[in-house]
Amino acid sequence: MSRCVPKDVSPNGGVVSNLASRSSNTMATSDDQSLLRPQTDCRRSNAEFSADQIEDFKEAFGLFDRVGDSQVAFSQVADIMRALGQNPTNKEVKKILGDPSPDDMANKRINFETFLPMLKTVDSAQKGTYDDYVEGLRVFDKEGNGTVMGAELRIVLSTLGEKMTEPEIEALMAGQEDENGSVHYEAFVKHIMSV
């Protein structure tokens, strides 16, 4: 049975016990119960993905393994999640990874068993709805006519939240502005959510 903890967590550190070596008929003491929680939590989070999904995720994960040790670099985790249909921000991924240093991002590696609960965390995160996005853009609708200025939207996309680059903004805005430079934000949100 695999453990859902990073390999650099010491089994002797009191946080995680080497549960794989315990026999299934051994009774756990009350002190041992706290050691069982990480494994139980991981199993529960994995159970929400089907076996076929997990196999697909594992195959995609393997495509990012450039060394052949069944692990990927921390810096690849966001890319793998996006390849699997998630859209976490870089900040969210760093938080899930434990706010690693730039050196850790480049050099630390994780295996699939450690990655899967992270993917579940991102998958279960509350996603914005159509109404949430429309309401957020309505703030910029000064005339109350269902439009926002394209120039203002570009500034917002490049300066607030996870800042987008100019090429990303141009790709997103392509064909969205009318002849007056306005963007009909309800149609814009539908377009974004369909991509």
N, C-alpha and C. Protein backbone atom coordinates (compact mmCIF):
# COMPACT_ATOMS: atom_id res chain seq x y z
N MET A 1 0.84 -1.18 0.00
CA MET A 1 0.00 0.00 0.00
C MET A 1 0.88 1.23 0.00
N SER A 2 0.58 2.18 -0.87
CA SER A 2 1.41 3.38 -0.96
C SER A 2 0.96 4.40 0.08
N ARG A 3 1.88 5.25 0.46
CA ARG A 3 1.59 6.32 1.42
C ARG A 3 1.44 7.62 0.66
N CYS A 4 0.57 8.48 1.15
CA CYS A 4 0.34 9.77 0.51
C CYS A 4 1.10 10.86 1.22
N VAL A 5 2.41 10.74 1.27
CA VAL A 5 3.25 11.77 1.88
C VAL A 5 4.47 11.96 1.01
N PRO A 6 5.04 13.15 1.00
CA PRO A 6 6.27 13.34 0.23
C PRO A 6 7.36 12.42 0.74
N LYS A 7 8.24 12.01 -0.17
CA LYS A 7 9.31 11.10 0.22
C LYS A 7 10.27 11.69 1.23
N ASP A 8 10.36 13.02 1.30
CA ASP A 8 11.31 13.61 2.23
C ASP A 8 10.75 13.75 3.64
N VAL A 9 9.51 13.25 3.89
CA VAL A 9 8.98 13.23 5.25
C VAL A 9 9.53 11.99 5.92
N SER A 10 10.18 12.16 7.03
CA SER A 10 10.83 11.05 7.72
C SER A 10 9.81 10.20 8.46
N PRO A 11 9.81 8.88 8.24
CA PRO A 11 8.90 8.02 8.98
C PRO A 11 9.25 8.00 10.47
N ASN A 12 10.45 8.40 10.81
CA ASN A 12 10.85 8.43 12.22
C ASN A 12 10.54 9.76 12.87
N GLY A 13 10.01 10.71 12.12
CA GLY A 13 9.77 12.05 12.63
C GLY A 13 8.53 12.17 13.48
N GLY A 14 7.80 11.08 13.71
CA GLY A 14 6.62 11.13 14.54
C GLY A 14 5.38 11.59 13.80
N VAL A 15 5.52 11.99 12.54
CA VAL A 15 4.36 12.46 11.79
C VAL A 15 3.69 11.31 11.07
N VAL A 16 4.49 10.46 10.47
CA VAL A 16 3.96 9.36 9.70
C VAL A 16 4.64 8.07 10.11
N SER A 17 3.86 7.06 10.33
CA SER A 17 4.41 5.76 10.67
C SER A 17 4.50 4.93 9.40
N ASN A 18 5.41 4.00 9.37
CA ASN A 18 5.51 3.13 8.22
C ASN A 18 4.39 2.10 8.32
N LEU A 19 3.23 2.50 7.85
CA LEU A 19 2.04 1.68 8.01
C LEU A 19 2.07 0.45 7.11
N ALA A 20 2.84 0.50 6.06
CA ALA A 20 2.89 -0.63 5.15
C ALA A 20 3.45 -1.87 5.82
N SER A 21 4.26 -1.69 6.87
CA SER A 21 4.86 -2.84 7.53
C SER A 21 3.96 -3.45 8.59
N ARG A 22 2.86 -2.80 8.92
CA ARG A 22 1.94 -3.34 9.92
C ARG A 22 1.06 -4.40 9.28
N SER A 23 0.77 -5.43 10.01
CA SER A 23 -0.15 -6.42 9.48
C SER A 23 -1.57 -5.91 9.63
N SER A 24 -2.46 -6.39 8.81
CA SER A 24 -3.82 -5.87 8.82
C SER A 24 -4.60 -6.29 10.06
N ASN A 25 -4.15 -7.34 10.77
CA ASN A 25 -4.89 -7.75 11.96
C ASN A 25 -4.31 -7.17 13.25
N THR A 26 -3.34 -6.26 13.14
CA THR A 26 -2.77 -5.63 14.32
C THR A 26 -3.71 -4.53 14.78
N MET A 27 -4.04 -4.53 16.07
CA MET A 27 -4.90 -3.49 16.62
C MET A 27 -4.04 -2.25 16.86
N ALA A 28 -4.54 -1.10 16.47
CA ALA A 28 -3.83 0.15 16.71
C ALA A 28 -4.19 0.68 18.08
N THR A 29 -3.23 1.23 18.76
CA THR A 29 -3.50 1.85 20.05
C THR A 29 -4.05 3.25 19.80
N SER A 30 -4.53 3.90 20.84
CA SER A 30 -5.07 5.26 20.66
C SER A 30 -3.99 6.20 20.14
N ASP A 31 -2.73 5.97 20.53
CA ASP A 31 -1.63 6.81 20.02
C ASP A 31 -1.42 6.57 18.53
N ASP A 32 -1.65 5.34 18.08
CA ASP A 32 -1.46 5.00 16.68
C ASP A 32 -2.56 5.59 15.80
N GLN A 33 -3.74 5.88 16.37
CA GLN A 33 -4.85 6.39 15.56
C GLN A 33 -4.49 7.67 14.82
N SER A 34 -3.75 8.56 15.47
CA SER A 34 -3.39 9.81 14.81
C SER A 34 -2.43 9.55 13.65
N LEU A 35 -1.68 8.46 13.72
CA LEU A 35 -0.76 8.13 12.64
C LEU A 35 -1.49 7.57 11.44
N LEU A 36 -2.69 7.06 11.66
CA LEU A 36 -3.45 6.47 10.58
C LEU A 36 -4.15 7.53 9.73
N ARG A 37 -4.41 8.70 10.26
CA ARG A 37 -5.20 9.71 9.55
C ARG A 37 -4.65 10.11 8.19
N PRO A 38 -3.36 10.40 8.03
CA PRO A 38 -2.91 10.82 6.71
C PRO A 38 -3.21 9.80 5.63
N GLN A 39 -3.01 8.51 5.96
CA GLN A 39 -3.26 7.49 4.96
C GLN A 39 -4.75 7.38 4.69
N THR A 40 -5.58 7.41 5.72
CA THR A 40 -7.02 7.32 5.55
C THR A 40 -7.53 8.49 4.72
N ASP A 41 -7.07 9.71 5.01
CA ASP A 41 -7.51 10.88 4.26
C ASP A 41 -7.14 10.74 2.79
N CYS A 42 -5.94 10.27 2.49
CA CYS A 42 -5.51 10.13 1.10
C CYS A 42 -6.38 9.12 0.38
N ARG A 43 -6.68 8.01 1.05
CA ARG A 43 -7.47 6.98 0.41
C ARG A 43 -8.86 7.53 0.09
N ARG A 44 -9.42 8.31 1.01
CA ARG A 44 -10.75 8.86 0.79
C ARG A 44 -10.72 9.84 -0.39
N SER A 45 -9.71 10.69 -0.48
CA SER A 45 -9.66 11.65 -1.57
C SER A 45 -9.44 10.96 -2.91
N ASN A 46 -8.68 9.88 -2.95
CA ASN A 46 -8.46 9.15 -4.19
C ASN A 46 -9.71 8.42 -4.63
N ALA A 47 -10.56 8.01 -3.68
CA ALA A 47 -11.74 7.23 -3.99
C ALA A 47 -12.74 8.02 -4.84
N GLU A 48 -12.67 9.35 -4.83
CA GLU A 48 -13.60 10.13 -5.60
C GLU A 48 -13.26 10.16 -7.09
N PHE A 49 -12.07 9.76 -7.45
CA PHE A 49 -11.72 9.58 -8.85
C PHE A 49 -11.97 8.12 -9.18
N SER A 50 -12.45 7.84 -10.38
CA SER A 50 -12.64 6.44 -10.78
C SER A 50 -11.28 5.80 -11.05
N ALA A 51 -11.26 4.48 -11.07
CA ALA A 51 -10.02 3.76 -11.36
C ALA A 51 -9.49 4.13 -12.74
N ASP A 52 -10.39 4.29 -13.70
CA ASP A 52 -9.98 4.69 -15.06
C ASP A 52 -9.36 6.09 -15.06
N GLN A 53 -9.96 7.00 -14.31
CA GLN A 53 -9.41 8.36 -14.23
C GLN A 53 -8.02 8.33 -13.62
N ILE A 54 -7.87 7.59 -12.54
CA ILE A 54 -6.57 7.51 -11.87
C ILE A 54 -5.52 6.94 -12.81
N GLU A 55 -5.90 5.93 -13.58
CA GLU A 55 -4.97 5.35 -14.55
C GLU A 55 -4.58 6.37 -15.61
N ASP A 56 -5.56 7.15 -16.09
CA ASP A 56 -5.28 8.21 -17.07
C ASP A 56 -4.37 9.27 -16.47
N PHE A 57 -4.64 9.66 -15.22
CA PHE A 57 -3.81 10.66 -14.55
C PHE A 57 -2.38 10.15 -14.41
N LYS A 58 -2.25 8.87 -14.06
CA LYS A 58 -0.92 8.28 -13.88
C LYS A 58 -0.15 8.27 -15.20
N GLU A 59 -0.86 7.96 -16.29
CA GLU A 59 -0.22 7.95 -17.60
C GLU A 59 0.25 9.36 -17.98
N ALA A 60 -0.60 10.37 -17.75
CA ALA A 60 -0.22 11.76 -18.05
C ALA A 60 0.95 12.18 -17.17
N PHE A 61 0.91 11.81 -15.91
CA PHE A 61 1.99 12.13 -14.97
C PHE A 61 3.31 11.55 -15.51
N GLY A 62 3.26 10.32 -15.99
CA GLY A 62 4.45 9.65 -16.52
C GLY A 62 5.06 10.36 -17.72
N LEU A 63 4.22 11.04 -18.49
CA LEU A 63 4.73 11.77 -19.66
C LEU A 63 5.63 12.94 -19.26
N PHE A 64 5.47 13.43 -18.04
CA PHE A 64 6.27 14.56 -17.56
C PHE A 64 7.55 14.10 -16.84
N ASP A 65 7.69 12.79 -16.65
CA ASP A 65 8.87 12.24 -15.98
C ASP A 65 10.02 12.19 -16.98
N ARG A 66 10.92 13.15 -16.87
CA ARG A 66 12.02 13.25 -17.83
C ARG A 66 13.25 12.45 -17.41
N VAL A 67 13.27 11.99 -16.16
CA VAL A 67 14.44 11.29 -15.64
C VAL A 67 14.24 9.77 -15.65
N GLY A 68 12.99 9.33 -15.56
CA GLY A 68 12.72 7.90 -15.54
C GLY A 68 12.65 7.31 -14.14
N ASP A 69 12.46 8.17 -13.12
CA ASP A 69 12.39 7.69 -11.74
C ASP A 69 10.96 7.72 -11.19
N SER A 70 9.97 7.84 -12.09
CA SER A 70 8.55 7.90 -11.73
C SER A 70 8.23 9.09 -10.84
N GLN A 71 8.99 10.17 -11.00
CA GLN A 71 8.75 11.40 -10.26
C GLN A 71 8.85 12.58 -11.22
N VAL A 72 8.27 13.71 -10.79
CA VAL A 72 8.36 14.94 -11.57
C VAL A 72 8.85 16.06 -10.67
N ALA A 73 9.39 17.10 -11.27
CA ALA A 73 9.86 18.26 -10.52
C ALA A 73 8.67 19.06 -10.02
N PHE A 74 8.85 19.71 -8.89
CA PHE A 74 7.82 20.60 -8.36
C PHE A 74 7.37 21.59 -9.43
N SER A 75 8.32 22.08 -10.22
CA SER A 75 8.01 23.09 -11.24
C SER A 75 7.08 22.58 -12.33
N GLN A 76 6.90 21.26 -12.43
CA GLN A 76 6.04 20.68 -13.45
C GLN A 76 4.62 20.42 -12.96
N VAL A 77 4.38 20.52 -11.66
CA VAL A 77 3.08 20.15 -11.09
C VAL A 77 1.95 20.97 -11.70
N ALA A 78 2.12 22.28 -11.82
CA ALA A 78 1.06 23.12 -12.39
C ALA A 78 0.77 22.71 -13.84
N ASP A 79 1.81 22.43 -14.61
CA ASP A 79 1.62 22.02 -16.00
C ASP A 79 0.85 20.72 -16.10
N ILE A 80 1.15 19.77 -15.22
CA ILE A 80 0.45 18.48 -15.24
C ILE A 80 -1.02 18.70 -14.89
N MET A 81 -1.27 19.50 -13.87
CA MET A 81 -2.66 19.76 -13.47
C MET A 81 -3.44 20.40 -14.62
N ARG A 82 -2.81 21.33 -15.31
CA ARG A 82 -3.48 21.98 -16.44
C ARG A 82 -3.69 21.00 -17.58
N ALA A 83 -2.75 20.11 -17.80
CA ALA A 83 -2.90 19.09 -18.84
C ALA A 83 -4.06 18.15 -18.51
N LEU A 84 -4.37 18.04 -17.23
CA LEU A 84 -5.47 17.17 -16.79
C LEU A 84 -6.79 17.92 -16.64
N GLY A 85 -6.84 19.13 -17.20
CA GLY A 85 -8.10 19.86 -17.24
C GLY A 85 -8.37 20.79 -16.08
N GLN A 86 -7.43 20.93 -15.17
CA GLN A 86 -7.61 21.86 -14.05
C GLN A 86 -7.00 23.21 -14.45
N ASN A 87 -7.31 24.23 -13.69
CA ASN A 87 -6.77 25.54 -14.00
C ASN A 87 -6.34 26.27 -12.73
N PRO A 88 -5.42 25.67 -11.97
CA PRO A 88 -4.98 26.34 -10.74
C PRO A 88 -4.05 27.51 -11.06
N THR A 89 -4.07 28.50 -10.19
CA THR A 89 -3.12 29.60 -10.35
C THR A 89 -1.77 29.11 -9.85
N ASN A 90 -0.71 29.80 -10.25
CA ASN A 90 0.62 29.43 -9.76
C ASN A 90 0.69 29.57 -8.25
N LYS A 91 0.00 30.57 -7.71
CA LYS A 91 -0.03 30.77 -6.27
C LYS A 91 -0.69 29.59 -5.56
N GLU A 92 -1.79 29.07 -6.11
CA GLU A 92 -2.47 27.92 -5.52
C GLU A 92 -1.56 26.69 -5.53
N VAL A 93 -0.85 26.49 -6.62
CA VAL A 93 0.04 25.33 -6.73
C VAL A 93 1.17 25.43 -5.71
N LYS A 94 1.76 26.63 -5.60
CA LYS A 94 2.84 26.80 -4.61
C LYS A 94 2.32 26.53 -3.20
N LYS A 95 1.10 26.97 -2.90
CA LYS A 95 0.53 26.73 -1.57
C LYS A 95 0.34 25.23 -1.34
N ILE A 96 -0.17 24.52 -2.32
CA ILE A 96 -0.36 23.07 -2.20
C ILE A 96 0.97 22.36 -2.00
N LEU A 97 2.01 22.86 -2.64
CA LEU A 97 3.35 22.27 -2.51
C LEU A 97 4.04 22.67 -1.21
N GLY A 98 3.42 23.54 -0.42
CA GLY A 98 4.01 23.95 0.86
C GLY A 98 4.89 25.18 0.74
N ASP A 99 4.60 26.06 -0.20
CA ASP A 99 5.37 27.29 -0.42
C ASP A 99 6.87 27.03 -0.53
N PRO A 100 7.27 26.22 -1.52
CA PRO A 100 8.69 25.90 -1.68
C PRO A 100 9.50 27.10 -2.18
N SER A 101 10.79 27.07 -1.89
CA SER A 101 11.69 28.11 -2.38
C SER A 101 11.91 27.90 -3.88
N PRO A 102 12.44 28.90 -4.59
CA PRO A 102 12.74 28.71 -6.01
C PRO A 102 13.68 27.53 -6.25
N ASP A 103 14.62 27.33 -5.33
CA ASP A 103 15.54 26.20 -5.45
C ASP A 103 14.78 24.87 -5.34
N ASP A 104 13.84 24.80 -4.38
CA ASP A 104 13.03 23.59 -4.23
C ASP A 104 12.16 23.36 -5.47
N MET A 105 11.60 24.44 -6.03
CA MET A 105 10.77 24.31 -7.23
C MET A 105 11.56 23.67 -8.36
N ALA A 106 12.82 24.00 -8.46
CA ALA A 106 13.66 23.49 -9.55
C ALA A 106 14.20 22.09 -9.26
N ASN A 107 14.42 21.76 -7.98
CA ASN A 107 15.15 20.53 -7.67
C ASN A 107 14.36 19.43 -6.97
N LYS A 108 13.33 19.78 -6.22
CA LYS A 108 12.57 18.75 -5.52
C LYS A 108 11.65 18.03 -6.49
N ARG A 109 11.40 16.75 -6.18
CA ARG A 109 10.58 15.91 -7.04
C ARG A 109 9.52 15.21 -6.20
N ILE A 110 8.39 14.90 -6.83
CA ILE A 110 7.34 14.16 -6.14
C ILE A 110 6.90 12.98 -7.00
N ASN A 111 6.34 11.96 -6.34
CA ASN A 111 5.84 10.81 -7.07
C ASN A 111 4.33 10.94 -7.28
N PHE A 112 3.76 10.01 -8.00
CA PHE A 112 2.34 10.08 -8.35
C PHE A 112 1.45 9.99 -7.11
N GLU A 113 1.83 9.16 -6.15
CA GLU A 113 1.02 8.99 -4.95
C GLU A 113 0.96 10.29 -4.14
N THR A 114 1.96 11.11 -4.22
CA THR A 114 1.95 12.41 -3.55
C THR A 114 1.17 13.42 -4.38
N PHE A 115 1.26 13.31 -5.70
CA PHE A 115 0.59 14.24 -6.60
C PHE A 115 -0.93 14.09 -6.58
N LEU A 116 -1.43 12.86 -6.51
CA LEU A 116 -2.87 12.63 -6.65
C LEU A 116 -3.71 13.38 -5.62
N PRO A 117 -3.36 13.38 -4.33
CA PRO A 117 -4.15 14.19 -3.38
C PRO A 117 -4.07 15.69 -3.68
N MET A 118 -2.95 16.14 -4.24
CA MET A 118 -2.83 17.56 -4.63
C MET A 118 -3.80 17.86 -5.76
N LEU A 119 -3.89 16.94 -6.72
CA LEU A 119 -4.82 17.11 -7.83
C LEU A 119 -6.25 17.13 -7.30
N LYS A 120 -6.55 16.28 -6.35
CA LYS A 120 -7.89 16.24 -5.75
C LYS A 120 -8.21 17.57 -5.07
N THR A 121 -7.23 18.16 -4.39
CA THR A 121 -7.42 19.45 -3.73
C THR A 121 -7.80 20.51 -4.75
N VAL A 122 -7.10 20.53 -5.87
CA VAL A 122 -7.39 21.51 -6.92
C VAL A 122 -8.75 21.21 -7.56
N ASP A 123 -9.03 19.94 -7.79
CA ASP A 123 -10.28 19.53 -8.42
C ASP A 123 -11.49 19.89 -7.56
N SER A 124 -11.33 19.80 -6.24
CA SER A 124 -12.46 20.06 -5.34
C SER A 124 -12.59 21.53 -4.96
N ALA A 125 -11.62 22.35 -5.36
CA ALA A 125 -11.69 23.78 -5.04
C ALA A 125 -12.89 24.40 -5.73
N GLN A 126 -13.52 25.32 -5.04
CA GLN A 126 -14.68 25.98 -5.59
C GLN A 126 -14.29 26.77 -6.83
N LYS A 127 -15.01 26.55 -7.90
CA LYS A 127 -14.75 27.24 -9.16
C LYS A 127 -15.74 28.40 -9.31
N GLY A 128 -15.32 29.44 -9.99
CA GLY A 128 -16.21 30.56 -10.24
C GLY A 128 -17.31 30.15 -11.21
N THR A 129 -18.49 30.67 -11.01
CA THR A 129 -19.61 30.38 -11.90
C THR A 129 -19.76 31.50 -12.92
N TYR A 130 -20.59 31.27 -13.89
CA TYR A 130 -20.89 32.27 -14.89
C TYR A 130 -21.34 33.56 -14.21
N ASP A 131 -22.27 33.44 -13.27
CA ASP A 131 -22.80 34.62 -12.57
C ASP A 131 -21.71 35.36 -11.79
N ASP A 132 -20.78 34.61 -11.20
CA ASP A 132 -19.68 35.25 -10.46
C ASP A 132 -18.85 36.14 -11.39
N TYR A 133 -18.52 35.61 -12.56
CA TYR A 133 -17.69 36.37 -13.50
C TYR A 133 -18.44 37.58 -14.06
N VAL A 134 -19.71 37.39 -14.39
CA VAL A 134 -20.51 38.50 -14.92
C VAL A 134 -20.61 39.59 -13.86
N GLU A 135 -20.87 39.20 -12.63
CA GLU A 135 -20.98 40.18 -11.54
C GLU A 135 -19.66 40.94 -11.35
N GLY A 136 -18.54 40.23 -11.46
CA GLY A 136 -17.23 40.87 -11.33
C GLY A 136 -16.97 41.89 -12.43
N LEU A 137 -17.41 41.59 -13.64
CA LEU A 137 -17.21 42.53 -14.74
C LEU A 137 -18.23 43.67 -14.73
N ARG A 138 -19.39 43.41 -14.14
CA ARG A 138 -20.43 44.45 -14.08
C ARG A 138 -19.92 45.69 -13.33
N VAL A 139 -18.99 45.50 -12.42
CA VAL A 139 -18.40 46.62 -11.67
C VAL A 139 -17.79 47.64 -12.63
N PHE A 140 -17.27 47.19 -13.76
CA PHE A 140 -16.62 48.07 -14.73
C PHE A 140 -17.60 48.63 -15.78
N ASP A 141 -18.86 48.25 -15.69
CA ASP A 141 -19.89 48.72 -16.63
C ASP A 141 -20.44 50.05 -16.14
N LYS A 142 -19.76 51.12 -16.52
CA LYS A 142 -20.11 52.46 -16.02
C LYS A 142 -21.45 52.97 -16.53
N GLU A 143 -21.84 52.55 -17.73
CA GLU A 143 -23.09 53.03 -18.32
C GLU A 143 -24.26 52.09 -18.08
N GLY A 144 -24.00 50.92 -17.51
CA GLY A 144 -25.08 49.96 -17.23
C GLY A 144 -25.70 49.36 -18.48
N ASN A 145 -24.92 49.28 -19.57
CA ASN A 145 -25.45 48.78 -20.83
C ASN A 145 -24.93 47.40 -21.22
N GLY A 146 -24.29 46.70 -20.27
CA GLY A 146 -23.80 45.35 -20.55
C GLY A 146 -22.45 45.30 -21.22
N THR A 147 -21.75 46.43 -21.27
CA THR A 147 -20.43 46.45 -21.91
C THR A 147 -19.39 47.08 -20.98
N VAL A 148 -18.15 46.72 -21.23
CA VAL A 148 -17.01 47.35 -20.56
C VAL A 148 -16.03 47.74 -21.66
N MET A 149 -15.23 48.73 -21.40
CA MET A 149 -14.24 49.15 -22.39
C MET A 149 -13.14 48.08 -22.49
N GLY A 150 -12.81 47.71 -23.72
CA GLY A 150 -11.77 46.71 -23.95
C GLY A 150 -10.44 47.13 -23.35
N ALA A 151 -10.11 48.43 -23.46
CA ALA A 151 -8.85 48.93 -22.92
C ALA A 151 -8.80 48.76 -21.40
N GLU A 152 -9.93 49.04 -20.75
CA GLU A 152 -9.99 48.89 -19.30
C GLU A 152 -9.87 47.41 -18.90
N LEU A 153 -10.52 46.54 -19.66
CA LEU A 153 -10.44 45.10 -19.39
C LEU A 153 -9.00 44.60 -19.57
N ARG A 154 -8.30 45.10 -20.57
CA ARG A 154 -6.90 44.72 -20.78
C ARG A 154 -6.03 45.13 -19.58
N ILE A 155 -6.28 46.32 -19.07
CA ILE A 155 -5.51 46.79 -17.90
C ILE A 155 -5.78 45.90 -16.70
N VAL A 156 -7.04 45.56 -16.48
CA VAL A 156 -7.40 44.70 -15.36
C VAL A 156 -6.72 43.34 -15.49
N LEU A 157 -6.76 42.76 -16.69
CA LEU A 157 -6.17 41.43 -16.90
C LEU A 157 -4.65 41.44 -16.73
N SER A 158 -4.02 42.58 -16.99
CA SER A 158 -2.56 42.64 -16.90
C SER A 158 -2.06 43.10 -15.53
N THR A 159 -2.95 43.59 -14.68
CA THR A 159 -2.49 44.14 -13.41
C THR A 159 -3.09 43.52 -12.16
N LEU A 160 -4.25 42.91 -12.25
CA LEU A 160 -4.90 42.36 -11.06
C LEU A 160 -4.83 40.83 -11.03
N GLY A 161 -4.81 40.28 -9.81
CA GLY A 161 -4.81 38.83 -9.66
C GLY A 161 -3.55 38.22 -10.25
N GLU A 162 -3.72 37.07 -10.89
CA GLU A 162 -2.59 36.45 -11.58
C GLU A 162 -2.47 37.14 -12.93
N LYS A 163 -1.49 38.00 -13.04
CA LYS A 163 -1.34 38.89 -14.18
C LYS A 163 -1.09 38.10 -15.47
N MET A 164 -1.80 38.51 -16.52
CA MET A 164 -1.64 37.87 -17.82
C MET A 164 -0.63 38.66 -18.65
N THR A 165 0.03 37.97 -19.55
CA THR A 165 0.98 38.63 -20.45
C THR A 165 0.20 39.25 -21.61
N GLU A 166 0.86 40.15 -22.33
CA GLU A 166 0.23 40.81 -23.48
C GLU A 166 -0.25 39.79 -24.53
N PRO A 167 0.57 38.80 -24.91
CA PRO A 167 0.09 37.81 -25.88
C PRO A 167 -1.12 37.01 -25.37
N GLU A 168 -1.13 36.68 -24.08
CA GLU A 168 -2.27 35.96 -23.51
C GLU A 168 -3.53 36.82 -23.59
N ILE A 169 -3.40 38.09 -23.27
CA ILE A 169 -4.55 39.01 -23.30
C ILE A 169 -5.06 39.15 -24.73
N GLU A 170 -4.15 39.32 -25.67
CA GLU A 170 -4.56 39.47 -27.07
C GLU A 170 -5.29 38.23 -27.57
N ALA A 171 -4.80 37.05 -27.20
CA ALA A 171 -5.46 35.81 -27.61
C ALA A 171 -6.87 35.72 -27.00
N LEU A 172 -7.00 36.12 -25.76
CA LEU A 172 -8.28 36.08 -25.06
C LEU A 172 -9.27 37.10 -25.63
N MET A 173 -8.76 38.27 -26.00
CA MET A 173 -9.62 39.37 -26.45
C MET A 173 -9.94 39.32 -27.96
N ALA A 174 -9.28 38.45 -28.69
CA ALA A 174 -9.46 38.39 -30.15
C ALA A 174 -10.94 38.23 -30.51
N GLY A 175 -11.45 39.19 -31.27
CA GLY A 175 -12.83 39.14 -31.75
C GLY A 175 -13.89 39.49 -30.72
N GLN A 176 -13.48 40.00 -29.57
CA GLN A 176 -14.44 40.29 -28.51
C GLN A 176 -14.90 41.75 -28.49
N GLU A 177 -14.13 42.65 -29.10
CA GLU A 177 -14.47 44.07 -29.06
C GLU A 177 -15.34 44.46 -30.25
N ASP A 178 -16.29 45.36 -29.98
CA ASP A 178 -17.10 45.88 -31.09
C ASP A 178 -16.38 47.07 -31.72
N GLU A 179 -17.05 47.74 -32.65
CA GLU A 179 -16.41 48.85 -33.37
C GLU A 179 -16.07 50.04 -32.48
N ASN A 180 -16.67 50.12 -31.30
CA ASN A 180 -16.39 51.21 -30.35
C ASN A 180 -15.34 50.83 -29.32
N GLY A 181 -14.78 49.63 -29.44
CA GLY A 181 -13.79 49.17 -28.46
C GLY A 181 -14.41 48.65 -27.18
N SER A 182 -15.71 48.37 -27.21
CA SER A 182 -16.41 47.84 -26.04
C SER A 182 -16.52 46.33 -26.13
N VAL A 183 -16.62 45.69 -24.97
CA VAL A 183 -16.77 44.24 -24.89
C VAL A 183 -18.08 43.95 -24.18
N HIS A 184 -18.94 43.15 -24.79
CA HIS A 184 -20.18 42.71 -24.15
C HIS A 184 -19.78 41.60 -23.18
N TYR A 185 -19.78 41.94 -21.90
CA TYR A 185 -19.14 41.04 -20.94
C TYR A 185 -19.89 39.73 -20.72
N GLU A 186 -21.19 39.66 -20.91
CA GLU A 186 -21.87 38.38 -20.76
C GLU A 186 -21.42 37.41 -21.86
N ALA A 187 -21.32 37.90 -23.09
CA ALA A 187 -20.83 37.07 -24.20
C ALA A 187 -19.36 36.72 -23.99
N PHE A 188 -18.60 37.66 -23.44
CA PHE A 188 -17.18 37.44 -23.16
C PHE A 188 -17.00 36.31 -22.15
N VAL A 189 -17.80 36.32 -21.10
CA VAL A 189 -17.72 35.26 -20.07
C VAL A 189 -18.12 33.92 -20.67
N LYS A 190 -19.16 33.89 -21.49
CA LYS A 190 -19.56 32.63 -22.16
C LYS A 190 -18.42 32.11 -23.02
N HIS A 191 -17.76 33.03 -23.73
CA HIS A 191 -16.62 32.64 -24.58
C HIS A 191 -15.49 32.05 -23.74
N ILE A 192 -15.15 32.71 -22.65
CA ILE A 192 -14.06 32.24 -21.79
C ILE A 192 -14.39 30.87 -21.20
N MET A 193 -15.62 30.71 -20.74
CA MET A 193 -15.99 29.46 -20.08
C MET A 193 -16.12 28.30 -21.07
N SER A 194 -16.26 28.59 -22.36
CA SER A 194 -16.36 27.53 -23.36
C SER A 194 -15.00 27.09 -23.89
N VAL A 195 -13.98 27.89 -23.64
CA VAL A 195 -12.63 27.59 -24.16
C VAL A 195 -11.99 26.50 -23.33
